[in-house]
Amino acid sequence: MISSVQFRLFITVAMMAFVFSCVKDYGNTLRNNEKKETLSGKLVGVVTRGPISPMSKDENLQTKPAIDVKIVVMTLSGKIVETVATDNDGRYSITLPGGTYRVEMLPSSSEMTKDLPTVVTIIKGKETHLDIHIDTRIR
């Protein structure tokens, strides 16, 4: 039989071992996240759609944010690395390892852009900007 003192000592040691292992794992997670951040860069941009009206001469009214447009990032050999949708302001942001990528837009039945496909180079710790304009063909 185990005495209550031995049992308490066993529980205390087990709890301390558990806490130390959690702290160690948390530290490893932080270091891994920091390493990932320093090895990665970001691809950011705004997708717009226009012209909106054939009658408007005001440049600011000629385009609007393109919401929920799917941007696909691939390796140069065609393997999909990441897909992201634009937000309500037409903005997107993708964290990627440093390297060279092909960027495309998932096709819509009638949408086209001269900006894609294109090749971008992501530099570690930097932001690469790629704005995309979808031509509505309204003239």
N, C-alpha and C. Protein backbone atom coordinates (compact mmCIF):
# COMPACT_ATOMS: atom_id res chain seq x y z
N MET A 1 0.83 -1.19 0.00
CA MET A 1 0.00 0.00 0.00
C MET A 1 0.87 1.25 0.00
N ILE A 2 0.34 2.28 -0.65
CA ILE A 2 1.02 3.58 -0.72
C ILE A 2 0.42 4.47 0.35
N SER A 3 1.29 5.14 1.08
CA SER A 3 0.78 6.06 2.09
C SER A 3 0.28 7.33 1.40
N SER A 4 -0.50 8.10 2.11
CA SER A 4 -1.03 9.34 1.53
C SER A 4 0.08 10.33 1.22
N VAL A 5 1.15 10.33 1.99
CA VAL A 5 2.28 11.21 1.74
C VAL A 5 2.97 10.80 0.43
N GLN A 6 3.17 9.49 0.23
CA GLN A 6 3.79 9.01 -1.00
C GLN A 6 2.90 9.33 -2.21
N PHE A 7 1.60 9.16 -2.03
CA PHE A 7 0.67 9.44 -3.11
C PHE A 7 0.71 10.92 -3.49
N ARG A 8 0.71 11.80 -2.50
CA ARG A 8 0.78 13.24 -2.77
C ARG A 8 2.09 13.61 -3.45
N LEU A 9 3.18 13.00 -3.00
CA LEU A 9 4.48 13.25 -3.60
C LEU A 9 4.47 12.80 -5.07
N PHE A 10 3.90 11.63 -5.33
CA PHE A 10 3.81 11.12 -6.69
C PHE A 10 2.99 12.07 -7.57
N ILE A 11 1.84 12.51 -7.08
CA ILE A 11 0.98 13.43 -7.84
C ILE A 11 1.71 14.75 -8.10
N THR A 12 2.40 15.28 -7.10
CA THR A 12 3.13 16.54 -7.25
C THR A 12 4.21 16.42 -8.31
N VAL A 13 4.98 15.34 -8.27
CA VAL A 13 6.04 15.13 -9.25
C VAL A 13 5.45 14.97 -10.65
N ALA A 14 4.35 14.23 -10.78
CA ALA A 14 3.71 14.03 -12.08
C ALA A 14 3.20 15.36 -12.63
N MET A 15 2.60 16.18 -11.77
CA MET A 15 2.09 17.47 -12.22
C MET A 15 3.23 18.39 -12.66
N MET A 16 4.33 18.38 -11.91
CA MET A 16 5.47 19.21 -12.28
C MET A 16 6.05 18.77 -13.62
N ALA A 17 6.14 17.47 -13.83
CA ALA A 17 6.66 16.96 -15.11
C ALA A 17 5.75 17.39 -16.25
N PHE A 18 4.45 17.34 -16.03
CA PHE A 18 3.49 17.76 -17.05
C PHE A 18 3.65 19.25 -17.36
N VAL A 19 3.72 20.07 -16.33
CA VAL A 19 3.86 21.52 -16.52
C VAL A 19 5.16 21.84 -17.26
N PHE A 20 6.27 21.22 -16.87
CA PHE A 20 7.54 21.48 -17.55
C PHE A 20 7.50 21.05 -19.01
N SER A 21 6.83 19.94 -19.30
CA SER A 21 6.75 19.51 -20.70
C SER A 21 5.90 20.49 -21.51
N CYS A 22 4.84 21.03 -20.91
CA CYS A 22 4.01 22.02 -21.61
C CYS A 22 4.80 23.29 -21.89
N VAL A 23 5.54 23.75 -20.90
CA VAL A 23 6.35 24.96 -21.07
C VAL A 23 7.39 24.74 -22.16
N LYS A 24 8.02 23.58 -22.16
CA LYS A 24 9.02 23.26 -23.19
C LYS A 24 8.38 23.26 -24.57
N ASP A 25 7.22 22.60 -24.71
CA ASP A 25 6.52 22.55 -26.00
C ASP A 25 6.10 23.95 -26.44
N TYR A 26 5.63 24.78 -25.49
CA TYR A 26 5.21 26.13 -25.83
C TYR A 26 6.41 26.93 -26.35
N GLY A 27 7.55 26.77 -25.70
CA GLY A 27 8.76 27.45 -26.16
C GLY A 27 9.16 27.01 -27.55
N ASN A 28 9.07 25.70 -27.82
CA ASN A 28 9.38 25.19 -29.16
C ASN A 28 8.42 25.75 -30.19
N THR A 29 7.13 25.83 -29.83
CA THR A 29 6.13 26.38 -30.75
C THR A 29 6.45 27.83 -31.07
N LEU A 30 6.80 28.62 -30.05
CA LEU A 30 7.15 30.02 -30.28
C LEU A 30 8.35 30.13 -31.21
N ARG A 31 9.38 29.32 -30.96
CA ARG A 31 10.58 29.37 -31.81
C ARG A 31 10.24 28.96 -33.24
N ASN A 32 9.41 27.92 -33.40
CA ASN A 32 9.03 27.48 -34.75
C ASN A 32 8.23 28.56 -35.47
N ASN A 33 7.32 29.23 -34.75
CA ASN A 33 6.54 30.31 -35.36
C ASN A 33 7.44 31.48 -35.76
N GLU A 34 8.41 31.80 -34.89
CA GLU A 34 9.34 32.88 -35.22
C GLU A 34 10.16 32.52 -36.44
N LYS A 35 10.60 31.25 -36.51
CA LYS A 35 11.38 30.80 -37.65
C LYS A 35 10.55 30.87 -38.93
N LYS A 36 9.28 30.44 -38.84
CA LYS A 36 8.39 30.49 -40.01
C LYS A 36 8.21 31.93 -40.47
N GLU A 37 8.02 32.86 -39.52
CA GLU A 37 7.84 34.27 -39.87
C GLU A 37 9.07 34.82 -40.59
N THR A 38 10.27 34.45 -40.11
CA THR A 38 11.47 35.01 -40.73
C THR A 38 11.78 34.35 -42.06
N LEU A 39 11.26 33.14 -42.30
CA LEU A 39 11.49 32.46 -43.57
C LEU A 39 10.42 32.78 -44.59
N SER A 40 9.39 33.52 -44.19
CA SER A 40 8.26 33.79 -45.06
C SER A 40 8.20 35.26 -45.44
N GLY A 41 7.44 35.50 -46.50
CA GLY A 41 7.11 36.85 -46.92
C GLY A 41 5.61 36.89 -47.18
N LYS A 42 5.11 38.01 -47.62
CA LYS A 42 3.67 38.13 -47.88
C LYS A 42 3.43 38.62 -49.29
N LEU A 43 2.37 38.08 -49.87
CA LEU A 43 1.84 38.59 -51.13
C LEU A 43 0.55 39.30 -50.78
N VAL A 44 0.48 40.59 -51.07
CA VAL A 44 -0.70 41.39 -50.73
C VAL A 44 -1.13 42.21 -51.94
N GLY A 45 -2.41 42.55 -51.95
CA GLY A 45 -2.89 43.38 -53.04
C GLY A 45 -4.37 43.67 -52.94
N VAL A 46 -4.86 44.40 -53.93
CA VAL A 46 -6.28 44.76 -54.03
C VAL A 46 -6.75 44.35 -55.42
N VAL A 47 -7.92 43.72 -55.45
CA VAL A 47 -8.53 43.35 -56.73
C VAL A 47 -9.71 44.29 -56.95
N THR A 48 -9.73 44.94 -58.11
CA THR A 48 -10.82 45.85 -58.47
C THR A 48 -11.50 45.35 -59.73
N ARG A 49 -12.73 45.83 -59.91
CA ARG A 49 -13.53 45.45 -61.08
C ARG A 49 -14.05 46.73 -61.71
N GLY A 50 -13.94 46.84 -63.03
CA GLY A 50 -14.44 48.04 -63.69
C GLY A 50 -14.15 48.01 -65.18
N PRO A 51 -14.61 48.96 -65.95
CA PRO A 51 -15.43 50.09 -65.51
C PRO A 51 -16.81 49.63 -65.07
N ILE A 52 -17.40 50.43 -64.20
CA ILE A 52 -18.71 50.12 -63.64
C ILE A 52 -19.82 50.65 -64.55
N SER A 53 -19.58 51.80 -65.13
CA SER A 53 -20.60 52.43 -65.97
C SER A 53 -19.93 53.03 -67.20
N PRO A 54 -20.56 52.91 -68.35
CA PRO A 54 -19.97 53.51 -69.54
C PRO A 54 -20.09 55.03 -69.55
N MET A 55 -20.93 55.58 -68.70
CA MET A 55 -21.20 57.01 -68.72
C MET A 55 -20.29 57.82 -67.79
N SER A 56 -19.75 57.20 -66.76
CA SER A 56 -19.01 57.94 -65.75
C SER A 56 -17.64 58.37 -66.27
N LYS A 57 -17.33 59.64 -66.06
CA LYS A 57 -16.01 60.15 -66.42
C LYS A 57 -15.13 60.31 -65.18
N ASP A 58 -15.73 60.14 -64.01
CA ASP A 58 -14.99 60.25 -62.75
C ASP A 58 -14.17 58.97 -62.54
N GLU A 59 -12.84 59.12 -62.48
CA GLU A 59 -11.95 57.97 -62.31
C GLU A 59 -12.29 57.15 -61.06
N ASN A 60 -12.68 57.83 -59.97
CA ASN A 60 -12.98 57.13 -58.72
C ASN A 60 -14.23 56.27 -58.81
N LEU A 61 -15.13 56.60 -59.72
CA LEU A 61 -16.36 55.83 -59.87
C LEU A 61 -16.24 54.75 -60.94
N GLN A 62 -15.08 54.64 -61.54
CA GLN A 62 -14.90 53.69 -62.62
C GLN A 62 -14.64 52.25 -62.15
N THR A 63 -14.21 52.09 -60.92
CA THR A 63 -13.94 50.74 -60.40
C THR A 63 -14.56 50.57 -59.02
N LYS A 64 -14.70 49.33 -58.63
CA LYS A 64 -15.14 49.01 -57.27
C LYS A 64 -14.37 47.78 -56.81
N PRO A 65 -14.29 47.57 -55.49
CA PRO A 65 -13.58 46.39 -55.00
C PRO A 65 -14.23 45.11 -55.52
N ALA A 66 -13.41 44.15 -55.88
CA ALA A 66 -13.91 42.85 -56.33
C ALA A 66 -13.94 41.93 -55.11
N ILE A 67 -15.13 41.61 -54.65
CA ILE A 67 -15.32 40.82 -53.43
C ILE A 67 -15.35 39.34 -53.76
N ASP A 68 -14.72 38.54 -52.90
CA ASP A 68 -14.73 37.08 -52.96
C ASP A 68 -14.14 36.52 -54.26
N VAL A 69 -13.14 37.19 -54.78
CA VAL A 69 -12.41 36.67 -55.94
C VAL A 69 -11.35 35.70 -55.40
N LYS A 70 -11.25 34.53 -56.00
CA LYS A 70 -10.30 33.51 -55.54
C LYS A 70 -8.96 33.69 -56.26
N ILE A 71 -7.92 33.93 -55.47
CA ILE A 71 -6.56 34.06 -55.98
C ILE A 71 -5.83 32.75 -55.65
N VAL A 72 -5.17 32.17 -56.66
CA VAL A 72 -4.48 30.90 -56.49
C VAL A 72 -2.98 31.12 -56.69
N VAL A 73 -2.18 30.64 -55.73
CA VAL A 73 -0.73 30.73 -55.83
C VAL A 73 -0.20 29.31 -56.03
N MET A 74 0.64 29.15 -57.04
CA MET A 74 1.18 27.83 -57.39
C MET A 74 2.70 27.88 -57.53
N THR A 75 3.30 26.72 -57.42
CA THR A 75 4.70 26.62 -57.78
C THR A 75 4.79 26.80 -59.29
N LEU A 76 5.98 27.01 -59.79
CA LEU A 76 6.14 27.19 -61.23
C LEU A 76 5.79 25.91 -61.99
N SER A 77 5.83 24.77 -61.30
CA SER A 77 5.45 23.50 -61.94
C SER A 77 3.95 23.25 -61.88
N GLY A 78 3.19 24.14 -61.23
CA GLY A 78 1.73 24.04 -61.24
C GLY A 78 1.09 23.47 -59.99
N LYS A 79 1.87 23.15 -58.95
CA LYS A 79 1.30 22.63 -57.71
C LYS A 79 0.71 23.79 -56.90
N ILE A 80 -0.56 23.65 -56.50
CA ILE A 80 -1.22 24.72 -55.73
C ILE A 80 -0.60 24.79 -54.34
N VAL A 81 -0.17 26.00 -53.96
CA VAL A 81 0.45 26.25 -52.66
C VAL A 81 -0.57 26.86 -51.71
N GLU A 82 -1.37 27.81 -52.21
CA GLU A 82 -2.31 28.53 -51.36
C GLU A 82 -3.41 29.13 -52.23
N THR A 83 -4.61 29.20 -51.65
CA THR A 83 -5.74 29.87 -52.29
C THR A 83 -6.34 30.82 -51.27
N VAL A 84 -6.71 32.01 -51.71
CA VAL A 84 -7.30 32.99 -50.80
C VAL A 84 -8.40 33.74 -51.55
N ALA A 85 -9.41 34.19 -50.80
CA ALA A 85 -10.49 34.99 -51.38
C ALA A 85 -10.33 36.44 -50.91
N THR A 86 -10.66 37.37 -51.79
CA THR A 86 -10.60 38.78 -51.42
C THR A 86 -11.71 39.10 -50.41
N ASP A 87 -11.45 40.12 -49.58
CA ASP A 87 -12.43 40.52 -48.57
C ASP A 87 -13.40 41.56 -49.15
N ASN A 88 -14.17 42.20 -48.29
CA ASN A 88 -15.17 43.18 -48.74
C ASN A 88 -14.57 44.44 -49.36
N ASP A 89 -13.28 44.66 -49.13
CA ASP A 89 -12.58 45.80 -49.73
C ASP A 89 -11.76 45.38 -50.95
N GLY A 90 -11.89 44.12 -51.36
CA GLY A 90 -11.13 43.61 -52.49
C GLY A 90 -9.69 43.25 -52.14
N ARG A 91 -9.36 43.29 -50.86
CA ARG A 91 -7.98 43.03 -50.43
C ARG A 91 -7.74 41.54 -50.19
N TYR A 92 -6.47 41.15 -50.35
CA TYR A 92 -6.05 39.80 -50.01
C TYR A 92 -4.64 39.85 -49.45
N SER A 93 -4.28 38.82 -48.69
CA SER A 93 -2.95 38.70 -48.10
C SER A 93 -2.66 37.22 -47.91
N ILE A 94 -1.49 36.80 -48.37
CA ILE A 94 -1.09 35.40 -48.26
C ILE A 94 0.34 35.37 -47.75
N THR A 95 0.60 34.60 -46.68
CA THR A 95 1.95 34.38 -46.19
C THR A 95 2.52 33.17 -46.90
N LEU A 96 3.69 33.34 -47.50
CA LEU A 96 4.32 32.28 -48.30
C LEU A 96 5.80 32.17 -47.96
N PRO A 97 6.36 30.97 -48.07
CA PRO A 97 7.81 30.85 -47.94
C PRO A 97 8.49 31.62 -49.07
N GLY A 98 9.68 32.12 -48.82
CA GLY A 98 10.40 32.82 -49.87
C GLY A 98 10.55 31.95 -51.11
N GLY A 99 10.40 32.53 -52.28
CA GLY A 99 10.52 31.77 -53.52
C GLY A 99 9.78 32.44 -54.66
N THR A 100 9.72 31.75 -55.79
CA THR A 100 9.06 32.28 -56.98
C THR A 100 7.79 31.47 -57.24
N TYR A 101 6.69 32.17 -57.52
CA TYR A 101 5.38 31.54 -57.65
C TYR A 101 4.64 32.08 -58.87
N ARG A 102 3.71 31.27 -59.35
CA ARG A 102 2.78 31.69 -60.40
C ARG A 102 1.47 32.05 -59.71
N VAL A 103 0.87 33.18 -60.07
CA VAL A 103 -0.39 33.63 -59.47
C VAL A 103 -1.45 33.65 -60.56
N GLU A 104 -2.61 33.06 -60.23
CA GLU A 104 -3.74 33.04 -61.15
C GLU A 104 -5.01 33.38 -60.37
N MET A 105 -6.07 33.62 -61.11
CA MET A 105 -7.39 33.87 -60.53
C MET A 105 -8.28 32.72 -60.98
N LEU A 106 -9.08 32.19 -60.05
CA LEU A 106 -10.02 31.16 -60.46
C LEU A 106 -10.98 31.78 -61.46
N PRO A 107 -11.21 31.11 -62.55
CA PRO A 107 -12.02 31.73 -63.60
C PRO A 107 -13.48 31.91 -63.23
N SER A 108 -14.01 33.01 -63.67
CA SER A 108 -15.44 33.27 -63.61
C SER A 108 -15.90 33.23 -65.06
N SER A 109 -17.16 33.02 -65.27
CA SER A 109 -17.65 32.82 -66.63
C SER A 109 -17.30 33.97 -67.58
N SER A 110 -17.32 35.20 -67.09
CA SER A 110 -17.11 36.32 -68.02
C SER A 110 -15.97 37.24 -67.61
N GLU A 111 -15.30 36.97 -66.51
CA GLU A 111 -14.28 37.91 -66.03
C GLU A 111 -12.92 37.60 -66.63
N MET A 112 -12.21 38.69 -66.94
CA MET A 112 -10.86 38.54 -67.45
C MET A 112 -9.98 39.66 -66.93
N THR A 113 -8.70 39.39 -66.89
CA THR A 113 -7.73 40.39 -66.46
C THR A 113 -6.45 40.22 -67.26
N LYS A 114 -5.82 41.35 -67.55
CA LYS A 114 -4.52 41.31 -68.22
C LYS A 114 -3.40 41.13 -67.20
N ASP A 115 -3.73 41.25 -65.90
CA ASP A 115 -2.72 41.18 -64.85
C ASP A 115 -2.32 39.75 -64.50
N LEU A 116 -3.14 38.79 -64.86
CA LEU A 116 -2.88 37.39 -64.53
C LEU A 116 -3.03 36.51 -65.75
N PRO A 117 -2.36 35.38 -65.79
CA PRO A 117 -1.41 34.88 -64.81
C PRO A 117 -0.12 35.70 -64.84
N THR A 118 0.59 35.64 -63.71
CA THR A 118 1.87 36.32 -63.60
C THR A 118 2.77 35.54 -62.66
N VAL A 119 4.03 35.88 -62.66
CA VAL A 119 5.01 35.26 -61.77
C VAL A 119 5.49 36.32 -60.78
N VAL A 120 5.52 35.95 -59.49
CA VAL A 120 6.00 36.86 -58.44
C VAL A 120 7.11 36.19 -57.66
N THR A 121 7.99 36.99 -57.10
CA THR A 121 9.04 36.49 -56.22
C THR A 121 8.77 37.01 -54.82
N ILE A 122 8.64 36.09 -53.88
CA ILE A 122 8.42 36.43 -52.48
C ILE A 122 9.77 36.44 -51.78
N ILE A 123 10.06 37.55 -51.12
CA ILE A 123 11.33 37.71 -50.41
C ILE A 123 11.05 37.58 -48.91
N LYS A 124 11.87 36.80 -48.24
CA LYS A 124 11.71 36.56 -46.80
C LYS A 124 11.65 37.88 -46.04
N GLY A 125 10.62 38.01 -45.20
CA GLY A 125 10.48 39.19 -44.36
C GLY A 125 9.95 40.43 -45.07
N LYS A 126 9.55 40.31 -46.33
CA LYS A 126 9.08 41.46 -47.11
C LYS A 126 7.66 41.23 -47.62
N GLU A 127 7.02 42.33 -48.01
CA GLU A 127 5.71 42.26 -48.68
C GLU A 127 5.90 42.50 -50.17
N THR A 128 5.28 41.65 -50.96
CA THR A 128 5.25 41.83 -52.41
C THR A 128 3.84 42.24 -52.78
N HIS A 129 3.70 43.35 -53.50
CA HIS A 129 2.37 43.87 -53.86
C HIS A 129 2.00 43.46 -55.28
N LEU A 130 0.77 42.96 -55.41
CA LEU A 130 0.23 42.62 -56.72
C LEU A 130 -1.24 43.04 -56.75
N ASP A 131 -1.51 44.18 -57.36
CA ASP A 131 -2.89 44.64 -57.55
C ASP A 131 -3.40 44.08 -58.87
N ILE A 132 -4.67 43.72 -58.88
CA ILE A 132 -5.28 43.07 -60.05
C ILE A 132 -6.53 43.84 -60.43
N HIS A 133 -6.67 44.11 -61.72
CA HIS A 133 -7.87 44.78 -62.22
C HIS A 133 -8.62 43.83 -63.14
N ILE A 134 -9.89 43.60 -62.83
CA ILE A 134 -10.76 42.76 -63.66
C ILE A 134 -11.52 43.68 -64.60
N ASP A 135 -11.41 43.41 -65.88
CA ASP A 135 -12.06 44.24 -66.90
C ASP A 135 -13.49 43.74 -67.13
N THR A 136 -14.47 44.62 -66.87
CA THR A 136 -15.88 44.26 -67.07
C THR A 136 -16.28 44.36 -68.54
N ARG A 137 -15.45 44.99 -69.34
CA ARG A 137 -15.69 45.21 -70.78
C ARG A 137 -16.90 46.11 -71.04
N ILE A 138 -17.27 46.91 -70.04
CA ILE A 138 -18.34 47.90 -70.24
C ILE A 138 -17.68 49.13 -70.85
N ARG A 139 -18.17 49.54 -71.99
CA ARG A 139 -17.59 50.72 -72.65
C ARG A 139 -18.68 51.69 -73.05
